[in-house]
Amino acid sequence: MAKNIEYEPGNRRAVACSYPATPKRGDPVRYGYRTGIALTDEDSGGKTSVDFGPFDADFAVQDSGGGGITVGDLIWFHDAEQKLNNTPAEGYFFGHANEAVANGLTATISVHHEPSPGAGTIGAGTVGTTHLADDGVTKAKIAADVAGAGLAQNIDGSIEIADEGVTIPMLSDAVAARAVTAAIGAVTDNAEKAVFVAPTDGTITGVQLLNSTAITADSTNYWTFQIVNKGAAGEGTDVVAAIDTNSGESGDGESLAEFVATDLTVVAGEADFEAGDVLSFKAIKAASATALADTVIVITYAPVEAE
């Protein structure tokens, strides 16, 4: 029996441990996704008697995450010489610290070991919507062993299969999208007004213009509408989206119906923006184009959210 066990109602079984290769009595061990403590040295048949817990026992634990370990912190098993630490990446859930470990040090402390399904993961169907607190679900990093299998997680939360170049979004386009509305009002001549300040990096996915007065396309009297990225310094000139009511050969020939949203064409290669960029709405009048009334601009964008 391992002498370092303090408390043990436990679940015991003789198994061929996954790690370490040759367990010794008192070692923390891994058997597939399960962790526990070796009650005996490995026998000649390759089996070790393991207590899978729950139990309290003394183990050498390393503060590998920095900042020290406090009572109650999670402890993880790793396939390494120093098996227990407080770094979850590539680790298997082991339990909770009953004692503290100083910053960057390794110390023998009491650890409360708890059995865990799937090494800290939870099987499908175990948690339902009633178990989740409001705002309790956030985007999570993909573990390093998953990344090693050819998966990567983008900063927006989508999962990318690098070898095939396929991206699987974690959120639907509708859920991920954000929209801002800017009331421009009456426009009777050339005008430019700020409509959007970027809160984060992102991409413009759509721009719509609404107007309470019908504008009929004309080859002489027409409007050109643009969304311009002024940058953070207010000096940019890149056109993000545009449309015009010019019915001539060089125009879009778009008529505006009253109280009907009209899509501007997003310019390929100019849709991305950075946090702090200012977007403006620019109206350019040709000849005697009909004045706009109660004009509204709606900008839809996909944010690149920080982790």
C-alpha atoms as a PDB file:
ATOM      1  CA  MET A   1       0.000   0.000   0.000  1.00  0.00           C
ATOM      2  CA  ALA A   2       1.299   3.470  -0.885  1.00  0.00           C
ATOM      3  CA  LYS A   3       2.391   5.223   2.312  1.00  0.00           C
ATOM      4  CA  ASN A   4       1.739   8.741   1.022  1.00  0.00           C
ATOM      5  CA  ILE A   5      -2.061   8.284   0.887  1.00  0.00           C
ATOM      6  CA  GLU A   6      -3.902  10.337   3.529  1.00  0.00           C
ATOM      7  CA  TYR A   7      -7.536   9.594   2.646  1.00  0.00           C
ATOM      8  CA  GLU A   8      -8.886   6.848   0.365  1.00  0.00           C
ATOM      9  CA  PRO A   9     -12.383   5.484  -0.094  1.00  0.00           C
ATOM     10  CA  GLY A  10     -11.121   4.847  -3.704  1.00  0.00           C
ATOM     11  CA  ASN A  11     -11.720   2.696  -6.729  1.00  0.00           C
ATOM     12  CA  ARG A  12      -8.873   0.202  -7.216  1.00  0.00           C
ATOM     13  CA  ARG A  13      -7.918  -1.945 -10.185  1.00  0.00           C
ATOM     14  CA  ALA A  14      -4.824  -3.693 -11.549  1.00  0.00           C
ATOM     15  CA  VAL A  15      -4.061  -2.187 -14.962  1.00  0.00           C
ATOM     16  CA  ALA A  16      -1.255  -1.743 -17.498  1.00  0.00           C
ATOM     17  CA  CYS A  17      -0.556   1.964 -16.958  1.00  0.00           C
ATOM     18  CA  SER A  18      -0.131   4.246 -19.957  1.00  0.00           C
ATOM     19  CA  TYR A  19       2.438   6.363 -18.080  1.00  0.00           C
ATOM     20  CA  PRO A  20       4.950   6.003 -16.543  1.00  0.00           C
ATOM     21  CA  ALA A  21       6.398   2.985 -18.301  1.00  0.00           C
ATOM     22  CA  THR A  22       7.199   1.219 -15.019  1.00  0.00           C
ATOM     23  CA  PRO A  23       5.183   2.700 -12.150  1.00  0.00           C
ATOM     24  CA  LYS A  24       6.429   2.579  -8.591  1.00  0.00           C
ATOM     25  CA  ARG A  25       4.297   2.521  -5.482  1.00  0.00           C
ATOM     26  CA  GLY A  26       3.144   6.056  -4.670  1.00  0.00           C
ATOM     27  CA  ASP A  27       3.581   7.395  -8.220  1.00  0.00           C
ATOM     28  CA  PRO A  28       0.847   9.440  -9.847  1.00  0.00           C
ATOM     29  CA  VAL A  29      -0.102   7.416 -12.939  1.00  0.00           C
ATOM     30  CA  ARG A  30      -2.216   7.599 -16.083  1.00  0.00           C
ATOM     31  CA  TYR A  31      -4.322   4.818 -17.517  1.00  0.00           C
ATOM     32  CA  GLY A  32      -5.789   6.068 -20.784  1.00  0.00           C
ATOM     33  CA  TYR A  33      -7.755   9.175 -19.812  1.00  0.00           C
ATOM     34  CA  ARG A  34      -7.944   8.201 -16.143  1.00  0.00           C
ATOM     35  CA  THR A  35      -5.440   9.216 -13.487  1.00  0.00           C
ATOM     36  CA  GLY A  36      -4.687   7.822 -10.058  1.00  0.00           C
ATOM     37  CA  ILE A  37      -1.997   6.612  -7.688  1.00  0.00           C
ATOM     38  CA  ALA A  38       0.037   3.401  -7.905  1.00  0.00           C
ATOM     39  CA  LEU A  39      -0.606   1.218  -4.863  1.00  0.00           C
ATOM     40  CA  THR A  40       2.107  -1.266  -5.868  1.00  0.00           C
ATOM     41  CA  ASP A  41       5.147  -1.455  -8.107  1.00  0.00           C
ATOM     42  CA  GLU A  42       4.428  -2.797 -11.577  1.00  0.00           C
ATOM     43  CA  ASP A  43       4.446  -6.608 -11.499  1.00  0.00           C
ATOM     44  CA  SER A  44       6.114  -9.045 -13.895  1.00  0.00           C
ATOM     45  CA  GLY A  45       2.951  -9.135 -16.004  1.00  0.00           C
ATOM     46  CA  GLY A  46       3.034  -5.379 -16.592  1.00  0.00           C
ATOM     47  CA  LYS A  47       0.164  -4.636 -14.224  1.00  0.00           C
ATOM     48  CA  THR A  48       0.030  -2.080 -11.427  1.00  0.00           C
ATOM     49  CA  SER A  49      -2.626  -1.827  -8.746  1.00  0.00           C
ATOM     50  CA  VAL A  50      -4.038   1.683  -9.113  1.00  0.00           C
ATOM     51  CA  ASP A  51      -6.407   3.666  -6.921  1.00  0.00           C
ATOM     52  CA  PHE A  52      -8.424   5.896  -9.271  1.00  0.00           C
ATOM     53  CA  GLY A  53      -9.878   7.864  -6.371  1.00  0.00           C
ATOM     54  CA  PRO A  54     -11.152   9.875  -4.778  1.00  0.00           C
ATOM     55  CA  PHE A  55      -8.306  10.204  -2.303  1.00  0.00           C
ATOM     56  CA  ASP A  56      -5.900  12.683  -0.728  1.00  0.00           C
ATOM     57  CA  ALA A  57      -2.179  11.980  -1.062  1.00  0.00           C
ATOM     58  CA  ASP A  58       1.192  13.745  -0.995  1.00  0.00           C
ATOM     59  CA  PHE A  59       2.871  14.381  -4.365  1.00  0.00           C
ATOM     60  CA  ALA A  60       5.634  16.517  -5.807  1.00  0.00           C
ATOM     61  CA  VAL A  61       3.845  19.342  -7.649  1.00  0.00           C
ATOM     62  CA  GLN A  62       5.450  22.017  -9.809  1.00  0.00           C
ATOM     63  CA  ASP A  63       4.286  25.582 -10.371  1.00  0.00           C
ATOM     64  CA  SER A  64       4.847  25.490 -14.130  1.00  0.00           C
ATOM     65  CA  GLY A  65       2.269  28.183 -14.863  1.00  0.00           C
ATOM     66  CA  GLY A  66       3.983  30.896 -12.828  1.00  0.00           C
ATOM     67  CA  GLY A  67       2.488  32.939 -10.028  1.00  0.00           C
ATOM     68  CA  GLY A  68       2.456  30.056  -7.573  1.00  0.00           C
ATOM     69  CA  ILE A  69      -0.176  27.482  -6.671  1.00  0.00           C
ATOM     70  CA  THR A  70      -2.823  28.260  -4.082  1.00  0.00           C
ATOM     71  CA  VAL A  71      -5.165  25.963  -2.192  1.00  0.00           C
ATOM     72  CA  GLY A  72      -7.925  24.758  -4.498  1.00  0.00           C
ATOM     73  CA  ASP A  73      -6.015  25.294  -7.760  1.00  0.00           C
ATOM     74  CA  LEU A  74      -6.401  22.642 -10.439  1.00  0.00           C
ATOM     75  CA  ILE A  75      -3.586  20.122 -10.805  1.00  0.00           C
ATOM     76  CA  TRP A  76      -2.835  18.297 -14.072  1.00  0.00           C
ATOM     77  CA  PHE A  77      -0.972  15.075 -14.874  1.00  0.00           C
ATOM     78  CA  HIS A  78       1.639  15.175 -17.646  1.00  0.00           C
ATOM     79  CA  ASP A  79       3.587  12.434 -19.397  1.00  0.00           C
ATOM     80  CA  ALA A  80       6.887  13.807 -18.128  1.00  0.00           C
ATOM     81  CA  GLU A  81       9.446  13.231 -15.408  1.00  0.00           C
ATOM     82  CA  GLN A  82       7.732  15.937 -13.338  1.00  0.00           C
ATOM     83  CA  LYS A  83       4.227  14.549 -13.678  1.00  0.00           C
ATOM     84  CA  LEU A  84       2.042  16.992 -11.721  1.00  0.00           C
ATOM     85  CA  ASN A  85       1.797  20.744 -12.309  1.00  0.00           C
ATOM     86  CA  ASN A  86      -0.711  23.549 -12.816  1.00  0.00           C
ATOM     87  CA  THR A  87      -0.528  23.775 -16.626  1.00  0.00           C
ATOM     88  CA  PRO A  88      -3.615  22.325 -18.365  1.00  0.00           C
ATOM     89  CA  ALA A  89      -2.153  22.268 -21.921  1.00  0.00           C
ATOM     90  CA  GLU A  90      -1.469  18.646 -22.949  1.00  0.00           C
ATOM     91  CA  GLY A  91      -2.368  17.587 -19.426  1.00  0.00           C
ATOM     92  CA  TYR A  92      -4.864  15.188 -17.871  1.00  0.00           C
ATOM     93  CA  PHE A  93      -7.038  16.391 -15.008  1.00  0.00           C
ATOM     94  CA  PHE A  94      -5.729  15.076 -11.695  1.00  0.00           C
ATOM     95  CA  GLY A  95      -7.288  17.044  -8.861  1.00  0.00           C
ATOM     96  CA  HIS A  96      -6.959  20.094  -6.612  1.00  0.00           C
ATOM     97  CA  ALA A  97      -4.130  21.407  -4.451  1.00  0.00           C
ATOM     98  CA  ASN A  98      -4.705  21.157  -0.707  1.00  0.00           C
ATOM     99  CA  GLU A  99      -1.581  23.209  -0.037  1.00  0.00           C
ATOM    100  CA  ALA A 100       0.300  26.049  -1.705  1.00  0.00           C
ATOM    101  CA  VAL A 101       3.456  25.982  -3.839  1.00  0.00           C
ATOM    102  CA  ALA A 102       5.609  29.097  -4.207  1.00  0.00           C
ATOM    103  CA  ASN A 103       6.135  30.826  -7.550  1.00  0.00           C
ATOM    104  CA  GLY A 104       8.176  28.678  -9.952  1.00  0.00           C
ATOM    105  CA  LEU A 105       9.027  26.002  -7.370  1.00  0.00           C
ATOM    106  CA  THR A 106       8.316  22.301  -6.931  1.00  0.00           C
ATOM    107  CA  ALA A 107       7.124  21.082  -3.542  1.00  0.00           C
ATOM    108  CA  THR A 108       5.578  17.984  -2.016  1.00  0.00           C
ATOM    109  CA  ILE A 109       2.025  18.910  -1.090  1.00  0.00           C
ATOM    110  CA  SER A 110      -1.272  17.219  -0.353  1.00  0.00           C
ATOM    111  CA  VAL A 111      -3.442  16.858  -3.456  1.00  0.00           C
ATOM    112  CA  HIS A 112      -7.097  15.883  -3.512  1.00  0.00           C
ATOM    113  CA  HIS A 113      -7.553  13.559  -6.489  1.00  0.00           C
ATOM    114  CA  GLU A 114     -10.950  13.297  -8.145  1.00  0.00           C
ATOM    115  CA  PRO A 115     -11.970  10.848 -10.879  1.00  0.00           C
ATOM    116  CA  SER A 116     -12.779  12.709 -14.077  1.00  0.00           C
ATOM    117  CA  PRO A 117     -14.529  11.519 -17.249  1.00  0.00           C
ATOM    118  CA  GLY A 118     -12.251  11.945 -20.242  1.00  0.00           C
ATOM    119  CA  ALA A 119      -9.369  13.490 -18.298  1.00  0.00           C
ATOM    120  CA  GLY A 120     -11.235  16.647 -17.465  1.00  0.00           C
ATOM    121  CA  THR A 121     -13.547  16.570 -20.475  1.00  0.00           C
ATOM    122  CA  ILE A 122     -17.239  15.818 -20.164  1.00  0.00           C
ATOM    123  CA  GLY A 123     -19.101  13.381 -22.344  1.00  0.00           C
ATOM    124  CA  ALA A 124     -21.714  14.516 -24.863  1.00  0.00           C
ATOM    125  CA  GLY A 125     -25.098  15.042 -23.233  1.00  0.00           C
ATOM    126  CA  THR A 126     -23.695  15.349 -19.709  1.00  0.00           C
ATOM    127  CA  VAL A 127     -24.293  19.095 -19.566  1.00  0.00           C
ATOM    128  CA  GLY A 128     -27.551  20.581 -20.835  1.00  0.00           C
ATOM    129  CA  THR A 129     -28.700  24.155 -21.273  1.00  0.00           C
ATOM    130  CA  THR A 130     -30.140  24.232 -17.752  1.00  0.00           C
ATOM    131  CA  HIS A 131     -26.645  23.685 -16.328  1.00  0.00           C
ATOM    132  CA  LEU A 132     -25.127  26.725 -18.035  1.00  0.00           C
ATOM    133  CA  ALA A 133     -25.049  30.124 -16.352  1.00  0.00           C
ATOM    134  CA  ASP A 134     -25.733  33.260 -18.365  1.00  0.00           C
ATOM    135  CA  ASP A 135     -22.600  34.198 -20.340  1.00  0.00           C
ATOM    136  CA  GLY A 136     -21.007  31.005 -19.049  1.00  0.00           C
ATOM    137  CA  VAL A 137     -19.810  29.781 -22.432  1.00  0.00           C
ATOM    138  CA  THR A 138     -16.849  31.414 -24.166  1.00  0.00           C
ATOM    139  CA  LYS A 139     -14.663  30.463 -27.095  1.00  0.00           C
ATOM    140  CA  ALA A 140     -11.937  28.048 -25.998  1.00  0.00           C
ATOM    141  CA  LYS A 141      -8.507  27.297 -27.342  1.00  0.00           C
ATOM    142  CA  ILE A 142      -7.949  24.060 -29.186  1.00  0.00           C
ATOM    143  CA  ALA A 143      -5.578  21.847 -27.207  1.00  0.00           C
ATOM    144  CA  ALA A 144      -2.072  21.331 -28.547  1.00  0.00           C
ATOM    145  CA  ASP A 145      -2.669  17.665 -29.269  1.00  0.00           C
ATOM    146  CA  VAL A 146      -5.612  18.627 -31.498  1.00  0.00           C
ATOM    147  CA  ALA A 147      -3.474  21.228 -33.258  1.00  0.00           C
ATOM    148  CA  GLY A 148      -0.921  18.510 -33.872  1.00  0.00           C
ATOM    149  CA  ALA A 149      -3.573  16.550 -35.724  1.00  0.00           C
ATOM    150  CA  GLY A 150      -3.843  19.333 -38.315  1.00  0.00           C
ATOM    151  CA  LEU A 151      -6.416  21.538 -36.572  1.00  0.00           C
ATOM    152  CA  ALA A 152      -5.962  25.157 -35.617  1.00  0.00           C
ATOM    153  CA  GLN A 153      -8.278  27.688 -34.052  1.00  0.00           C
ATOM    154  CA  ASN A 154      -8.514  31.151 -35.526  1.00  0.00           C
ATOM    155  CA  ILE A 155      -8.794  34.150 -33.244  1.00  0.00           C
ATOM    156  CA  ASP A 156     -12.476  34.519 -34.200  1.00  0.00           C
ATOM    157  CA  GLY A 157     -13.141  31.066 -32.749  1.00  0.00           C
ATOM    158  CA  SER A 158     -13.420  29.127 -35.999  1.00  0.00           C
ATOM    159  CA  ILE A 159     -11.585  25.837 -36.434  1.00  0.00           C
ATOM    160  CA  GLU A 160      -9.318  25.499 -39.433  1.00  0.00           C
ATOM    161  CA  ILE A 161      -8.188  22.223 -40.994  1.00  0.00           C
ATOM    162  CA  ALA A 162      -4.889  23.466 -42.332  1.00  0.00           C
ATOM    163  CA  ASP A 163      -4.042  20.619 -44.702  1.00  0.00           C
ATOM    164  CA  GLU A 164      -7.325  20.892 -46.579  1.00  0.00           C
ATOM    165  CA  GLY A 165      -7.772  24.633 -46.129  1.00  0.00           C
ATOM    166  CA  VAL A 166     -11.289  24.157 -44.739  1.00  0.00           C
ATOM    167  CA  THR A 167     -12.603  26.397 -41.980  1.00  0.00           C
ATOM    168  CA  ILE A 168     -15.468  25.319 -39.726  1.00  0.00           C
ATOM    169  CA  PRO A 169     -16.986  28.333 -37.923  1.00  0.00           C
ATOM    170  CA  MET A 170     -17.967  27.888 -34.289  1.00  0.00           C
ATOM    171  CA  LEU A 171     -20.646  30.560 -34.728  1.00  0.00           C
ATOM    172  CA  SER A 172     -23.070  31.010 -37.590  1.00  0.00           C
ATOM    173  CA  ASP A 173     -22.690  34.109 -39.749  1.00  0.00           C
ATOM    174  CA  ALA A 174     -25.892  35.526 -38.286  1.00  0.00           C
ATOM    175  CA  VAL A 175     -24.674  35.137 -34.697  1.00  0.00           C
ATOM    176  CA  ALA A 176     -21.150  36.399 -35.409  1.00  0.00           C
ATOM    177  CA  ALA A 177     -22.322  39.477 -37.361  1.00  0.00           C
ATOM    178  CA  ARG A 178     -22.506  42.951 -35.837  1.00  0.00           C
ATOM    179  CA  ALA A 179     -24.360  45.947 -37.270  1.00  0.00           C
ATOM    180  CA  VAL A 180     -24.196  49.700 -36.703  1.00  0.00           C
ATOM    181  CA  THR A 181     -26.738  52.238 -37.918  1.00  0.00           C
ATOM    182  CA  ALA A 182     -25.873  55.859 -38.670  1.00  0.00           C
ATOM    183  CA  ALA A 183     -28.568  58.474 -39.303  1.00  0.00           C
ATOM    184  CA  ILE A 184     -27.295  60.891 -41.948  1.00  0.00           C
ATOM    185  CA  GLY A 185     -30.459  62.943 -42.468  1.00  0.00           C
ATOM    186  CA  ALA A 186     -30.924  65.245 -45.452  1.00  0.00           C
ATOM    187  CA  VAL A 187     -28.199  65.402 -48.104  1.00  0.00           C
ATOM    188  CA  THR A 188     -28.510  68.154 -50.687  1.00  0.00           C
ATOM    189  CA  ASP A 189     -24.935  68.485 -51.932  1.00  0.00           C
ATOM    190  CA  ASN A 190     -21.497  66.888 -51.633  1.00  0.00           C
ATOM    191  CA  ALA A 191     -21.079  65.649 -48.078  1.00  0.00           C
ATOM    192  CA  GLU A 192     -18.942  63.374 -45.935  1.00  0.00           C
ATOM    193  CA  LYS A 193     -19.883  62.234 -42.427  1.00  0.00           C
ATOM    194  CA  ALA A 194     -18.317  59.822 -39.951  1.00  0.00           C
ATOM    195  CA  VAL A 195     -20.482  56.730 -39.444  1.00  0.00           C
ATOM    196  CA  PHE A 196     -18.358  54.110 -37.659  1.00  0.00           C
ATOM    197  CA  VAL A 197     -15.387  53.785 -35.299  1.00  0.00           C
ATOM    198  CA  ALA A 198     -13.974  50.237 -35.264  1.00  0.00           C
ATOM    199  CA  PRO A 199     -13.982  48.746 -31.728  1.00  0.00           C
ATOM    200  CA  THR A 200     -11.740  45.869 -32.838  1.00  0.00           C
ATOM    201  CA  ASP A 201     -10.158  44.433 -35.970  1.00  0.00           C
ATOM    202  CA  GLY A 202     -12.714  43.054 -38.384  1.00  0.00           C
ATOM    203  CA  THR A 203     -14.191  42.857 -41.859  1.00  0.00           C
ATOM    204  CA  ILE A 204     -17.051  44.775 -43.454  1.00  0.00           C
ATOM    205  CA  THR A 205     -19.566  42.228 -44.725  1.00  0.00           C
ATOM    206  CA  GLY A 206     -22.269  44.560 -46.002  1.00  0.00           C
ATOM    207  CA  VAL A 207     -23.405  48.179 -46.325  1.00  0.00           C
ATOM    208  CA  GLN A 208     -26.963  49.359 -46.929  1.00  0.00           C
ATOM    209  CA  LEU A 209     -28.428  52.786 -47.661  1.00  0.00           C
ATOM    210  CA  LEU A 210     -32.018  53.729 -46.837  1.00  0.00           C
ATOM    211  CA  ASN A 211     -33.707  56.911 -47.968  1.00  0.00           C
ATOM    212  CA  SER A 212     -37.238  58.288 -47.592  1.00  0.00           C
ATOM    213  CA  THR A 213     -37.212  59.853 -51.070  1.00  0.00           C
ATOM    214  CA  ALA A 214     -37.177  57.870 -54.304  1.00  0.00           C
ATOM    215  CA  ILE A 215     -34.126  58.562 -56.509  1.00  0.00           C
ATOM    216  CA  THR A 216     -34.400  57.558 -60.149  1.00  0.00           C
ATOM    217  CA  ALA A 217     -31.178  56.628 -61.928  1.00  0.00           C
ATOM    218  CA  ASP A 218     -30.054  59.263 -64.426  1.00  0.00           C
ATOM    219  CA  SER A 219     -27.027  59.680 -66.678  1.00  0.00           C
ATOM    220  CA  THR A 220     -26.626  63.367 -65.812  1.00  0.00           C
ATOM    221  CA  ASN A 221     -28.192  64.041 -62.454  1.00  0.00           C
ATOM    222  CA  TYR A 222     -26.957  61.310 -60.159  1.00  0.00           C
ATOM    223  CA  TRP A 223     -25.279  60.464 -56.841  1.00  0.00           C
ATOM    224  CA  THR A 224     -22.186  58.460 -56.032  1.00  0.00           C
ATOM    225  CA  PHE A 225     -22.180  56.974 -52.532  1.00  0.00           C
ATOM    226  CA  GLN A 226     -19.045  55.628 -50.863  1.00  0.00           C
ATOM    227  CA  ILE A 227     -17.919  54.212 -47.531  1.00  0.00           C
ATOM    228  CA  VAL A 228     -14.330  55.390 -47.016  1.00  0.00           C
ATOM    229  CA  ASN A 229     -11.832  54.020 -44.487  1.00  0.00           C
ATOM    230  CA  LYS A 230     -10.255  57.158 -43.022  1.00  0.00           C
ATOM    231  CA  GLY A 231      -7.934  55.119 -40.791  1.00  0.00           C
ATOM    232  CA  ALA A 232      -7.168  56.010 -37.175  1.00  0.00           C
ATOM    233  CA  ALA A 233      -5.610  59.336 -38.176  1.00  0.00           C
ATOM    234  CA  GLY A 234      -8.543  60.426 -40.342  1.00  0.00           C
ATOM    235  CA  GLU A 235      -6.472  60.689 -43.506  1.00  0.00           C
ATOM    236  CA  GLY A 236      -7.319  57.441 -45.333  1.00  0.00           C
ATOM    237  CA  THR A 237      -8.904  57.391 -48.784  1.00  0.00           C
ATOM    238  CA  ASP A 238      -9.572  53.675 -49.390  1.00  0.00           C
ATOM    239  CA  VAL A 239     -13.103  53.064 -50.654  1.00  0.00           C
ATOM    240  CA  VAL A 240     -14.640  50.131 -48.777  1.00  0.00           C
ATOM    241  CA  ALA A 241     -18.026  50.084 -50.517  1.00  0.00           C
ATOM    242  CA  ALA A 242     -19.747  52.125 -53.217  1.00  0.00           C
ATOM    243  CA  ILE A 243     -22.744  52.505 -55.528  1.00  0.00           C
ATOM    244  CA  ASP A 244     -24.110  55.225 -57.795  1.00  0.00           C
ATOM    245  CA  THR A 245     -27.348  56.243 -59.494  1.00  0.00           C
ATOM    246  CA  ASN A 246     -25.601  56.990 -62.792  1.00  0.00           C
ATOM    247  CA  SER A 247     -27.528  55.295 -65.587  1.00  0.00           C
ATOM    248  CA  GLY A 248     -24.784  56.051 -68.112  1.00  0.00           C
ATOM    249  CA  GLU A 249     -22.410  53.408 -69.485  1.00  0.00           C
ATOM    250  CA  SER A 250     -19.864  54.000 -66.718  1.00  0.00           C
ATOM    251  CA  GLY A 251     -22.370  53.883 -63.862  1.00  0.00           C
ATOM    252  CA  ASP A 252     -24.178  51.339 -61.734  1.00  0.00           C
ATOM    253  CA  GLY A 253     -27.569  52.721 -62.745  1.00  0.00           C
ATOM    254  CA  GLU A 254     -29.070  52.015 -59.298  1.00  0.00           C
ATOM    255  CA  SER A 255     -32.398  53.647 -58.502  1.00  0.00           C
ATOM    256  CA  LEU A 256     -33.345  54.141 -54.855  1.00  0.00           C
ATOM    257  CA  ALA A 257     -36.855  53.259 -53.762  1.00  0.00           C
ATOM    258  CA  GLU A 258     -38.227  55.112 -50.761  1.00  0.00           C
ATOM    259  CA  PHE A 259     -37.866  53.230 -47.467  1.00  0.00           C
ATOM    260  CA  VAL A 260     -36.149  50.285 -49.184  1.00  0.00           C
ATOM    261  CA  ALA A 261     -32.598  49.269 -48.269  1.00  0.00           C
ATOM    262  CA  THR A 262     -30.146  49.382 -51.161  1.00  0.00           C
ATOM    263  CA  ASP A 263     -26.901  47.392 -50.973  1.00  0.00           C
ATOM    264  CA  LEU A 264     -23.607  49.107 -51.676  1.00  0.00           C
ATOM    265  CA  THR A 265     -20.984  46.938 -53.367  1.00  0.00           C
ATOM    266  CA  VAL A 266     -18.181  46.022 -50.947  1.00  0.00           C
ATOM    267  CA  VAL A 267     -14.818  46.461 -52.669  1.00  0.00           C
ATOM    268  CA  ALA A 268     -12.746  43.280 -52.709  1.00  0.00           C
ATOM    269  CA  GLY A 269      -9.523  43.708 -50.773  1.00  0.00           C
ATOM    270  CA  GLU A 270     -10.679  46.811 -48.892  1.00  0.00           C
ATOM    271  CA  ALA A 271     -13.182  45.309 -46.465  1.00  0.00           C
ATOM    272  CA  ASP A 272     -10.746  44.624 -43.599  1.00  0.00           C
ATOM    273  CA  PHE A 273     -10.274  47.251 -40.918  1.00  0.00           C
ATOM    274  CA  GLU A 274      -8.265  47.674 -37.726  1.00  0.00           C
ATOM    275  CA  ALA A 275      -9.342  48.748 -34.265  1.00  0.00           C
ATOM    276  CA  GLY A 276      -9.630  52.531 -34.164  1.00  0.00           C
ATOM    277  CA  ASP A 277     -10.258  53.003 -37.887  1.00  0.00           C
ATOM    278  CA  VAL A 278     -12.951  55.525 -38.762  1.00  0.00           C
ATOM    279  CA  LEU A 279     -15.322  54.907 -41.651  1.00  0.00           C
ATOM    280  CA  SER A 280     -17.135  57.784 -43.344  1.00  0.00           C
ATOM    281  CA  PHE A 281     -20.148  58.011 -45.624  1.00  0.00           C
ATOM    282  CA  LYS A 282     -19.374  60.142 -48.670  1.00  0.00           C
ATOM    283  CA  ALA A 283     -22.037  61.473 -51.044  1.00  0.00           C
ATOM    284  CA  ILE A 284     -20.901  63.032 -54.340  1.00  0.00           C
ATOM    285  CA  LYS A 285     -23.492  64.956 -56.316  1.00  0.00           C
ATOM    286  CA  ALA A 286     -23.526  65.289 -60.097  1.00  0.00           C
ATOM    287  CA  ALA A 287     -25.465  68.201 -61.627  1.00  0.00           C
ATOM    288  CA  SER A 288     -28.994  68.476 -60.193  1.00  0.00           C
ATOM    289  CA  ALA A 289     -29.411  65.085 -58.558  1.00  0.00           C
ATOM    290  CA  THR A 290     -32.523  64.804 -56.369  1.00  0.00           C
ATOM    291  CA  ALA A 291     -31.804  65.628 -52.727  1.00  0.00           C
ATOM    292  CA  LEU A 292     -31.782  62.793 -50.179  1.00  0.00           C
ATOM    293  CA  ALA A 293     -34.025  62.875 -47.121  1.00  0.00           C
ATOM    294  CA  ASP A 294     -33.852  60.930 -43.839  1.00  0.00           C
ATOM    295  CA  THR A 295     -30.883  58.950 -45.123  1.00  0.00           C
ATOM    296  CA  VAL A 296     -29.657  56.063 -42.965  1.00  0.00           C
ATOM    297  CA  ILE A 297     -26.512  53.905 -43.396  1.00  0.00           C
ATOM    298  CA  VAL A 298     -26.332  50.373 -41.968  1.00  0.00           C
ATOM    299  CA  ILE A 299     -22.884  48.749 -41.772  1.00  0.00           C
ATOM    300  CA  THR A 300     -22.603  45.032 -41.047  1.00  0.00           C
ATOM    301  CA  TYR A 301     -19.250  43.633 -39.960  1.00  0.00           C
ATOM    302  CA  ALA A 302     -17.610  40.531 -38.523  1.00  0.00           C
ATOM    303  CA  PRO A 303     -15.337  41.362 -35.585  1.00  0.00           C
ATOM    304  CA  VAL A 304     -12.054  39.660 -34.890  1.00  0.00           C
ATOM    305  CA  GLU A 305     -12.494  39.209 -31.177  1.00  0.00           C
ATOM    306  CA  ALA A 306      -9.621  38.992 -28.720  1.00  0.00           C
ATOM    307  CA  GLU A 307      -9.201  35.737 -26.834  1.00  0.00           C
END
